[in-house]
Amino acid sequence: MAATLPVDFQQKVLLPKGQTASDYPYAIKATDLMQNFVFAALDAHESLIESFPGQGGHTQRRLKIPALPTSGTYVLGSVNGALTWIETEAC
């Protein structure tokens, strides 16, 4: 399920023209940007985060979680300091 950002800038652009150049759709409020940045910030231990080049050359981050097994019943565990899926019969 995809998360919904607090401020939808595509909707803001569709608003009627503001009274001044500091109103939407010509200006973006810093508080609205910060709401979205805080919402999107990943809160996880750095050892669980992988950084890689993203769109436009910006750094993107993702969680280092192994791919889900395709069948069976597993739990996510740590073996010798690395996350791994452990079959429930092995627990």
PDB file of N, CA and C in Angstrom:
ATOM      1  N   MET A   1       0.840  -1.168   0.000  1.00  0.00           N
ATOM      2  CA  MET A   1       0.000   0.000   0.000  1.00  0.00           C
ATOM      3  C   MET A   1       0.897   1.247   0.000  1.00  0.00           C
ATOM      4  N   ALA A   2       0.645   2.146  -0.901  1.00  0.00           N
ATOM      5  CA  ALA A   2       1.443   3.370  -0.999  1.00  0.00           C
ATOM      6  C   ALA A   2       0.962   4.391   0.033  1.00  0.00           C
ATOM      7  N   ALA A   3       1.916   5.098   0.601  1.00  0.00           N
ATOM      8  CA  ALA A   3       1.586   6.145   1.563  1.00  0.00           C
ATOM      9  C   ALA A   3       1.166   7.405   0.823  1.00  0.00           C
ATOM     10  N   THR A   4       0.311   8.191   1.448  1.00  0.00           N
ATOM     11  CA  THR A   4      -0.119   9.455   0.878  1.00  0.00           C
ATOM     12  C   THR A   4       0.637  10.572   1.573  1.00  0.00           C
ATOM     13  N   LEU A   5       1.307  11.411   0.800  1.00  0.00           N
ATOM     14  CA  LEU A   5       2.035  12.541   1.378  1.00  0.00           C
ATOM     15  C   LEU A   5       1.052  13.547   1.963  1.00  0.00           C
ATOM     16  N   PRO A   6       1.458  14.274   3.007  1.00  0.00           N
ATOM     17  CA  PRO A   6       0.567  15.246   3.631  1.00  0.00           C
ATOM     18  C   PRO A   6       0.101  16.359   2.687  1.00  0.00           C
ATOM     19  N   VAL A   7       0.964  16.808   1.781  1.00  0.00           N
ATOM     20  CA  VAL A   7       0.615  17.900   0.868  1.00  0.00           C
ATOM     21  C   VAL A   7       0.742  17.390  -0.563  1.00  0.00           C
ATOM     22  N   ASP A   8      -0.354  17.457  -1.327  1.00  0.00           N
ATOM     23  CA  ASP A   8      -0.375  17.027  -2.721  1.00  0.00           C
ATOM     24  C   ASP A   8      -0.172  18.258  -3.600  1.00  0.00           C
ATOM     25  N   PHE A   9       1.052  18.429  -4.105  1.00  0.00           N
ATOM     26  CA  PHE A   9       1.373  19.623  -4.880  1.00  0.00           C
ATOM     27  C   PHE A   9       0.672  19.631  -6.234  1.00  0.00           C
ATOM     28  N   GLN A  10       0.332  18.475  -6.777  1.00  0.00           N
ATOM     29  CA  GLN A  10      -0.427  18.447  -8.026  1.00  0.00           C
ATOM     30  C   GLN A  10      -1.806  19.063  -7.804  1.00  0.00           C
ATOM     31  N   GLN A  11      -2.400  18.815  -6.652  1.00  0.00           N
ATOM     32  CA  GLN A  11      -3.695  19.433  -6.327  1.00  0.00           C
ATOM     33  C   GLN A  11      -3.532  20.934  -6.105  1.00  0.00           C
ATOM     34  N   LYS A  12      -2.439  21.326  -5.469  1.00  0.00           N
ATOM     35  CA  LYS A  12      -2.189  22.748  -5.203  1.00  0.00           C
ATOM     36  C   LYS A  12      -2.090  23.540  -6.511  1.00  0.00           C
ATOM     37  N   VAL A  13      -1.463  22.950  -7.534  1.00  0.00           N
ATOM     38  CA  VAL A  13      -1.304  23.639  -8.812  1.00  0.00           C
ATOM     39  C   VAL A  13      -2.662  23.893  -9.473  1.00  0.00           C
ATOM     40  N   LEU A  14      -3.637  23.053  -9.193  1.00  0.00           N
ATOM     41  CA  LEU A  14      -4.965  23.198  -9.791  1.00  0.00           C
ATOM     42  C   LEU A  14      -5.836  24.238  -9.087  1.00  0.00           C
ATOM     43  N   LEU A  15      -5.374  24.754  -7.956  1.00  0.00           N
ATOM     44  CA  LEU A  15      -6.142  25.768  -7.229  1.00  0.00           C
ATOM     45  C   LEU A  15      -6.300  27.028  -8.069  1.00  0.00           C
ATOM     46  N   PRO A  16      -7.355  27.820  -7.804  1.00  0.00           N
ATOM     47  CA  PRO A  16      -7.499  29.085  -8.513  1.00  0.00           C
ATOM     48  C   PRO A  16      -6.282  29.979  -8.264  1.00  0.00           C
ATOM     49  N   LYS A  17      -5.989  30.799  -9.231  1.00  0.00           N
ATOM     50  CA  LYS A  17      -4.846  31.703  -9.156  1.00  0.00           C
ATOM     51  C   LYS A  17      -4.912  32.534  -7.883  1.00  0.00           C
ATOM     52  N   GLY A  18      -3.773  32.597  -7.152  1.00  0.00           N
ATOM     53  CA  GLY A  18      -3.713  33.348  -5.900  1.00  0.00           C
ATOM     54  C   GLY A  18      -3.715  34.851  -6.135  1.00  0.00           C
ATOM     55  N   GLN A  19      -3.881  35.594  -5.063  1.00  0.00           N
ATOM     56  CA  GLN A  19      -3.920  37.053  -5.135  1.00  0.00           C
ATOM     57  C   GLN A  19      -2.545  37.659  -5.374  1.00  0.00           C
ATOM     58  N   THR A  20      -1.489  36.967  -4.900  1.00  0.00           N
ATOM     59  CA  THR A  20      -0.130  37.496  -5.046  1.00  0.00           C
ATOM     60  C   THR A  20       0.787  36.406  -5.579  1.00  0.00           C
ATOM     61  N   ALA A  21       1.993  36.790  -5.918  1.00  0.00           N
ATOM     62  CA  ALA A  21       2.971  35.823  -6.412  1.00  0.00           C
ATOM     63  C   ALA A  21       3.432  34.870  -5.320  1.00  0.00           C
ATOM     64  N   SER A  22       3.072  35.150  -4.068  1.00  0.00           N
ATOM     65  CA  SER A  22       3.470  34.269  -2.975  1.00  0.00           C
ATOM     66  C   SER A  22       2.384  33.236  -2.654  1.00  0.00           C
ATOM     67  N   ASP A  23       1.314  33.205  -3.428  1.00  0.00           N
ATOM     68  CA  ASP A  23       0.240  32.229  -3.236  1.00  0.00           C
ATOM     69  C   ASP A  23       0.394  31.079  -4.233  1.00  0.00           C
ATOM     70  N   TYR A  24      -0.230  29.941  -3.920  1.00  0.00           N
ATOM     71  CA  TYR A  24      -0.279  28.832  -4.875  1.00  0.00           C
ATOM     72  C   TYR A  24      -1.044  29.306  -6.094  1.00  0.00           C
ATOM     73  N   PRO A  25      -0.768  28.870  -7.298  1.00  0.00           N
ATOM     74  CA  PRO A  25       0.189  27.837  -7.677  1.00  0.00           C
ATOM     75  C   PRO A  25       1.573  28.373  -8.010  1.00  0.00           C
ATOM     76  N   TYR A  26       1.851  29.659  -7.759  1.00  0.00           N
ATOM     77  CA  TYR A  26       3.131  30.247  -8.154  1.00  0.00           C
ATOM     78  C   TYR A  26       4.220  30.087  -7.100  1.00  0.00           C
ATOM     79  N   ALA A  27       3.866  29.875  -5.884  1.00  0.00           N
ATOM     80  CA  ALA A  27       4.840  29.741  -4.803  1.00  0.00           C
ATOM     81  C   ALA A  27       4.528  28.475  -4.009  1.00  0.00           C
ATOM     82  N   ILE A  28       5.561  27.855  -3.493  1.00  0.00           N
ATOM     83  CA  ILE A  28       5.403  26.668  -2.655  1.00  0.00           C
ATOM     84  C   ILE A  28       5.801  27.056  -1.240  1.00  0.00           C
ATOM     85  N   LYS A  29       4.975  26.693  -0.283  1.00  0.00           N
ATOM     86  CA  LYS A  29       5.254  27.026   1.114  1.00  0.00           C
ATOM     87  C   LYS A  29       6.301  26.072   1.684  1.00  0.00           C
ATOM     88  N   ALA A  30       7.278  26.636   2.377  1.00  0.00           N
ATOM     89  CA  ALA A  30       8.340  25.835   2.993  1.00  0.00           C
ATOM     90  C   ALA A  30       7.757  24.856   4.005  1.00  0.00           C
ATOM     91  N   THR A  31       6.727  25.251   4.743  1.00  0.00           N
ATOM     92  CA  THR A  31       6.133  24.339   5.731  1.00  0.00           C
ATOM     93  C   THR A  31       5.497  23.131   5.052  1.00  0.00           C
ATOM     94  N   ASP A  32       4.902  23.320   3.868  1.00  0.00           N
ATOM     95  CA  ASP A  32       4.330  22.189   3.138  1.00  0.00           C
ATOM     96  C   ASP A  32       5.428  21.246   2.647  1.00  0.00           C
ATOM     97  N   LEU A  33       6.516  21.822   2.136  1.00  0.00           N
ATOM     98  CA  LEU A  33       7.645  20.993   1.705  1.00  0.00           C
ATOM     99  C   LEU A  33       8.204  20.202   2.885  1.00  0.00           C
ATOM    100  N   MET A  34       8.397  20.853   4.017  1.00  0.00           N
ATOM    101  CA  MET A  34       8.959  20.179   5.189  1.00  0.00           C
ATOM    102  C   MET A  34       8.035  19.072   5.676  1.00  0.00           C
ATOM    103  N   GLN A  35       6.713  19.273   5.623  1.00  0.00           N
ATOM    104  CA  GLN A  35       5.786  18.204   6.010  1.00  0.00           C
ATOM    105  C   GLN A  35       6.049  16.958   5.176  1.00  0.00           C
ATOM    106  N   ASN A  36       6.199  17.141   3.866  1.00  0.00           N
ATOM    107  CA  ASN A  36       6.442  15.999   2.993  1.00  0.00           C
ATOM    108  C   ASN A  36       7.819  15.391   3.226  1.00  0.00           C
ATOM    109  N   PHE A  37       8.850  16.226   3.429  1.00  0.00           N
ATOM    110  CA  PHE A  37      10.192  15.699   3.665  1.00  0.00           C
ATOM    111  C   PHE A  37      10.248  14.904   4.963  1.00  0.00           C
ATOM    112  N   VAL A  38       9.653  15.408   6.026  1.00  0.00           N
ATOM    113  CA  VAL A  38       9.655  14.694   7.307  1.00  0.00           C
ATOM    114  C   VAL A  38       8.877  13.396   7.176  1.00  0.00           C
ATOM    115  N   PHE A  39       7.741  13.432   6.483  1.00  0.00           N
ATOM    116  CA  PHE A  39       6.931  12.233   6.294  1.00  0.00           C
ATOM    117  C   PHE A  39       7.712  11.168   5.524  1.00  0.00           C
ATOM    118  N   ALA A  40       8.470  11.590   4.509  1.00  0.00           N
ATOM    119  CA  ALA A  40       9.182  10.655   3.638  1.00  0.00           C
ATOM    120  C   ALA A  40      10.522  10.197   4.195  1.00  0.00           C
ATOM    121  N   ALA A  41      11.033  10.868   5.209  1.00  0.00           N
ATOM    122  CA  ALA A  41      12.342  10.510   5.760  1.00  0.00           C
ATOM    123  C   ALA A  41      12.280   9.105   6.363  1.00  0.00           C
ATOM    124  N   LEU A  42      13.286   8.313   6.072  1.00  0.00           N
ATOM    125  CA  LEU A  42      13.353   6.942   6.562  1.00  0.00           C
ATOM    126  C   LEU A  42      14.001   6.928   7.939  1.00  0.00           C
ATOM    127  N   ASP A  43      13.284   6.410   8.926  1.00  0.00           N
ATOM    128  CA  ASP A  43      13.798   6.346  10.296  1.00  0.00           C
ATOM    129  C   ASP A  43      14.188   4.897  10.584  1.00  0.00           C
ATOM    130  N   ALA A  44      15.450   4.583  10.330  1.00  0.00           N
ATOM    131  CA  ALA A  44      15.960   3.232  10.560  1.00  0.00           C
ATOM    132  C   ALA A  44      17.441   3.337  10.891  1.00  0.00           C
ATOM    133  N   HIS A  45      17.951   2.336  11.571  1.00  0.00           N
ATOM    134  CA  HIS A  45      19.371   2.315  11.901  1.00  0.00           C
ATOM    135  C   HIS A  45      20.178   2.338  10.609  1.00  0.00           C
ATOM    136  N   GLU A  46      21.273   3.105  10.581  1.00  0.00           N
ATOM    137  CA  GLU A  46      22.081   3.270   9.369  1.00  0.00           C
ATOM    138  C   GLU A  46      22.592   1.945   8.804  1.00  0.00           C
ATOM    139  N   SER A  47      22.794   0.931   9.651  1.00  0.00           N
ATOM    140  CA  SER A  47      23.271  -0.358   9.145  1.00  0.00           C
ATOM    141  C   SER A  47      22.214  -1.058   8.299  1.00  0.00           C
ATOM    142  N   LEU A  48      20.959  -0.601   8.374  1.00  0.00           N
ATOM    143  CA  LEU A  48      19.875  -1.202   7.600  1.00  0.00           C
ATOM    144  C   LEU A  48      19.545  -0.410   6.345  1.00  0.00           C
ATOM    145  N   ILE A  49      20.309   0.669   6.067  1.00  0.00           N
ATOM    146  CA  ILE A  49      20.003   1.551   4.944  1.00  0.00           C
ATOM    147  C   ILE A  49      21.106   1.468   3.896  1.00  0.00           C
ATOM    148  N   GLU A  50      20.692   1.354   2.641  1.00  0.00           N
ATOM    149  CA  GLU A  50      21.608   1.357   1.506  1.00  0.00           C
ATOM    150  C   GLU A  50      21.355   2.623   0.696  1.00  0.00           C
ATOM    151  N   SER A  51      22.414   3.358   0.355  1.00  0.00           N
ATOM    152  CA  SER A  51      22.295   4.549  -0.479  1.00  0.00           C
ATOM    153  C   SER A  51      22.752   4.222  -1.891  1.00  0.00           C
ATOM    154  N   PHE A  52      22.086   4.827  -2.869  1.00  0.00           N
ATOM    155  CA  PHE A  52      22.441   4.596  -4.269  1.00  0.00           C
ATOM    156  C   PHE A  52      21.990   5.801  -5.088  1.00  0.00           C
ATOM    157  N   PRO A  53      22.557   5.982  -6.293  1.00  0.00           N
ATOM    158  CA  PRO A  53      22.168   7.116  -7.126  1.00  0.00           C
ATOM    159  C   PRO A  53      20.710   6.989  -7.562  1.00  0.00           C
ATOM    160  N   GLY A  54      19.958   8.045  -7.361  1.00  0.00           N
ATOM    161  CA  GLY A  54      18.556   8.043  -7.741  1.00  0.00           C
ATOM    162  C   GLY A  54      18.290   8.988  -8.897  1.00  0.00           C
ATOM    163  N   GLN A  55      17.027   9.266  -9.116  1.00  0.00           N
ATOM    164  CA  GLN A  55      16.599  10.128 -10.216  1.00  0.00           C
ATOM    165  C   GLN A  55      17.279  11.488 -10.141  1.00  0.00           C
ATOM    166  N   GLY A  56      17.729  11.988 -11.270  1.00  0.00           N
ATOM    167  CA  GLY A  56      18.355  13.304 -11.330  1.00  0.00           C
ATOM    168  C   GLY A  56      19.698  13.376 -10.637  1.00  0.00           C
ATOM    169  N   GLY A  57      20.316  12.218 -10.355  1.00  0.00           N
ATOM    170  CA  GLY A  57      21.604  12.211  -9.680  1.00  0.00           C
ATOM    171  C   GLY A  57      21.528  12.408  -8.176  1.00  0.00           C
ATOM    172  N   HIS A  58      20.315  12.460  -7.623  1.00  0.00           N
ATOM    173  CA  HIS A  58      20.144  12.623  -6.178  1.00  0.00           C
ATOM    174  C   HIS A  58      20.334  11.282  -5.477  1.00  0.00           C
ATOM    175  N   THR A  59      20.806  11.319  -4.245  1.00  0.00           N
ATOM    176  CA  THR A  59      20.981  10.099  -3.473  1.00  0.00           C
ATOM    177  C   THR A  59      19.613   9.575  -3.042  1.00  0.00           C
ATOM    178  N   GLN A  60      19.395   8.296  -3.280  1.00  0.00           N
ATOM    179  CA  GLN A  60      18.175   7.630  -2.848  1.00  0.00           C
ATOM    180  C   GLN A  60      18.552   6.588  -1.813  1.00  0.00           C
ATOM    181  N   ARG A  61      17.628   6.239  -0.929  1.00  0.00           N
ATOM    182  CA  ARG A  61      17.918   5.257   0.119  1.00  0.00           C
ATOM    183  C   ARG A  61      16.841   4.191   0.141  1.00  0.00           C
ATOM    184  N   ARG A  62      17.235   2.994   0.544  1.00  0.00           N
ATOM    185  CA  ARG A  62      16.262   1.913   0.714  1.00  0.00           C
ATOM    186  C   ARG A  62      16.717   1.016   1.852  1.00  0.00           C
ATOM    187  N   LEU A  63      15.764   0.283   2.411  1.00  0.00           N
ATOM    188  CA  LEU A  63      16.084  -0.671   3.473  1.00  0.00           C
ATOM    189  C   LEU A  63      16.783  -1.880   2.881  1.00  0.00           C
ATOM    190  N   LYS A  64      17.769  -2.394   3.592  1.00  0.00           N
ATOM    191  CA  LYS A  64      18.481  -3.607   3.182  1.00  0.00           C
ATOM    192  C   LYS A  64      17.751  -4.807   3.780  1.00  0.00           C
ATOM    193  N   ILE A  65      16.691  -5.229   3.132  1.00  0.00           N
ATOM    194  CA  ILE A  65      15.955  -6.412   3.569  1.00  0.00           C
ATOM    195  C   ILE A  65      15.978  -7.396   2.415  1.00  0.00           C
ATOM    196  N   PRO A  66      16.355  -8.648   2.675  1.00  0.00           N
ATOM    197  CA  PRO A  66      16.416  -9.626   1.591  1.00  0.00           C
ATOM    198  C   PRO A  66      15.041  -9.828   0.946  1.00  0.00           C
ATOM    199  N   ALA A  67      15.047 -10.219  -0.327  1.00  0.00           N
ATOM    200  CA  ALA A  67      13.800 -10.476  -1.054  1.00  0.00           C
ATOM    201  C   ALA A  67      12.984 -11.538  -0.321  1.00  0.00           C
ATOM    202  N   LEU A  68      11.670 -11.413  -0.418  1.00  0.00           N
ATOM    203  CA  LEU A  68      10.773 -12.368   0.231  1.00  0.00           C
ATOM    204  C   LEU A  68      10.870 -13.740  -0.418  1.00  0.00           C
ATOM    205  N   PRO A  69      10.834 -14.806   0.376  1.00  0.00           N
ATOM    206  CA  PRO A  69      10.794 -16.153  -0.201  1.00  0.00           C
ATOM    207  C   PRO A  69       9.501 -16.323  -1.005  1.00  0.00           C
ATOM    208  N   THR A  70       9.549 -17.121  -2.063  1.00  0.00           N
ATOM    209  CA  THR A  70       8.376 -17.276  -2.925  1.00  0.00           C
ATOM    210  C   THR A  70       7.355 -18.267  -2.394  1.00  0.00           C
ATOM    211  N   SER A  71       7.761 -19.151  -1.500  1.00  0.00           N
ATOM    212  CA  SER A  71       6.800 -20.089  -0.918  1.00  0.00           C
ATOM    213  C   SER A  71       7.282 -20.505   0.464  1.00  0.00           C
ATOM    214  N   GLY A  72       6.388 -21.060   1.243  1.00  0.00           N
ATOM    215  CA  GLY A  72       6.727 -21.509   2.583  1.00  0.00           C
ATOM    216  C   GLY A  72       6.445 -20.441   3.619  1.00  0.00           C
ATOM    217  N   THR A  73       6.759 -20.762   4.867  1.00  0.00           N
ATOM    218  CA  THR A  73       6.536 -19.845   5.978  1.00  0.00           C
ATOM    219  C   THR A  73       7.876 -19.525   6.608  1.00  0.00           C
ATOM    220  N   TYR A  74       8.195 -18.241   6.662  1.00  0.00           N
ATOM    221  CA  TYR A  74       9.490 -17.786   7.136  1.00  0.00           C
ATOM    222  C   TYR A  74       9.325 -16.654   8.136  1.00  0.00           C
ATOM    223  N   VAL A  75      10.357 -16.461   8.941  1.00  0.00           N
ATOM    224  CA  VAL A  75      10.452 -15.288   9.810  1.00  0.00           C
ATOM    225  C   VAL A  75      11.750 -14.565   9.441  1.00  0.00           C
ATOM    226  N   LEU A  76      11.749 -13.252   9.611  1.00  0.00           N
ATOM    227  CA  LEU A  76      12.956 -12.482   9.335  1.00  0.00           C
ATOM    228  C   LEU A  76      13.802 -12.485  10.596  1.00  0.00           C
ATOM    229  N   GLY A  77      15.043 -12.911  10.458  1.00  0.00           N
ATOM    230  CA  GLY A  77      15.927 -12.992  11.611  1.00  0.00           C
ATOM    231  C   GLY A  77      17.331 -12.546  11.262  1.00  0.00           C
ATOM    232  N   SER A  78      18.188 -12.578  12.239  1.00  0.00           N
ATOM    233  CA  SER A  78      19.581 -12.198  12.045  1.00  0.00           C
ATOM    234  C   SER A  78      20.457 -13.419  12.275  1.00  0.00           C
ATOM    235  N   VAL A  79      21.316 -13.703  11.288  1.00  0.00           N
ATOM    236  CA  VAL A  79      22.272 -14.805  11.397  1.00  0.00           C
ATOM    237  C   VAL A  79      23.653 -14.207  11.195  1.00  0.00           C
ATOM    238  N   ASN A  80      24.477 -14.288  12.247  1.00  0.00           N
ATOM    239  CA  ASN A  80      25.825 -13.714  12.200  1.00  0.00           C
ATOM    240  C   ASN A  80      25.820 -12.250  11.770  1.00  0.00           C
ATOM    241  N   GLY A  81      24.832 -11.498  12.245  1.00  0.00           N
ATOM    242  CA  GLY A  81      24.767 -10.062  11.988  1.00  0.00           C
ATOM    243  C   GLY A  81      24.135  -9.663  10.670  1.00  0.00           C
ATOM    244  N   ALA A  82      23.617 -10.616   9.899  1.00  0.00           N
ATOM    245  CA  ALA A  82      22.984 -10.300   8.615  1.00  0.00           C
ATOM    246  C   ALA A  82      21.519 -10.728   8.650  1.00  0.00           C
ATOM    247  N   LEU A  83      20.629  -9.850   8.129  1.00  0.00           N
ATOM    248  CA  LEU A  83      19.216 -10.211   8.046  1.00  0.00           C
ATOM    249  C   LEU A  83      19.034 -11.336   7.052  1.00  0.00           C
ATOM    250  N   THR A  84      18.205 -12.305   7.414  1.00  0.00           N
ATOM    251  CA  THR A  84      17.924 -13.433   6.530  1.00  0.00           C
ATOM    252  C   THR A  84      16.548 -13.998   6.864  1.00  0.00           C
ATOM    253  N   TRP A  85      15.914 -14.605   5.872  1.00  0.00           N
ATOM    254  CA  TRP A  85      14.646 -15.276   6.096  1.00  0.00           C
ATOM    255  C   TRP A  85      14.942 -16.689   6.596  1.00  0.00           C
ATOM    256  N   ILE A  86      14.314 -17.061   7.705  1.00  0.00           N
ATOM    257  CA  ILE A  86      14.537 -18.372   8.325  1.00  0.00           C
ATOM    258  C   ILE A  86      13.247 -19.152   8.242  1.00  0.00           C
ATOM    259  N   GLU A  87      13.316 -20.338   7.630  1.00  0.00           N
ATOM    260  CA  GLU A  87      12.126 -21.177   7.520  1.00  0.00           C
ATOM    261  C   GLU A  87      11.643 -21.535   8.921  1.00  0.00           C
ATOM    262  N   THR A  88      10.339 -21.490   9.142  1.00  0.00           N
ATOM    263  CA  THR A  88       9.797 -21.684  10.492  1.00  0.00           C
ATOM    264  C   THR A  88      10.133 -23.044  11.062  1.00  0.00           C
ATOM    265  N   GLU A  89      10.314 -24.059  10.219  1.00  0.00           N
ATOM    266  CA  GLU A  89      10.684 -25.380  10.736  1.00  0.00           C
ATOM    267  C   GLU A  89      12.078 -25.356  11.330  1.00  0.00           C
ATOM    268  N   ALA A  90      12.911 -24.383  10.927  1.00  0.00           N
ATOM    269  CA  ALA A  90      14.283 -24.285  11.432  1.00  0.00           C
ATOM    270  C   ALA A  90      14.359 -23.502  12.736  1.00  0.00           C
ATOM    271  N   CYS A  91      13.236 -22.919  13.164  1.00  0.00           N
ATOM    272  CA  CYS A  91      13.241 -22.103  14.393  1.00  0.00           C
ATOM    273  C   CYS A  91      13.165 -22.961  15.629  1.00  0.00           C
TER     274      CYS A  91
END
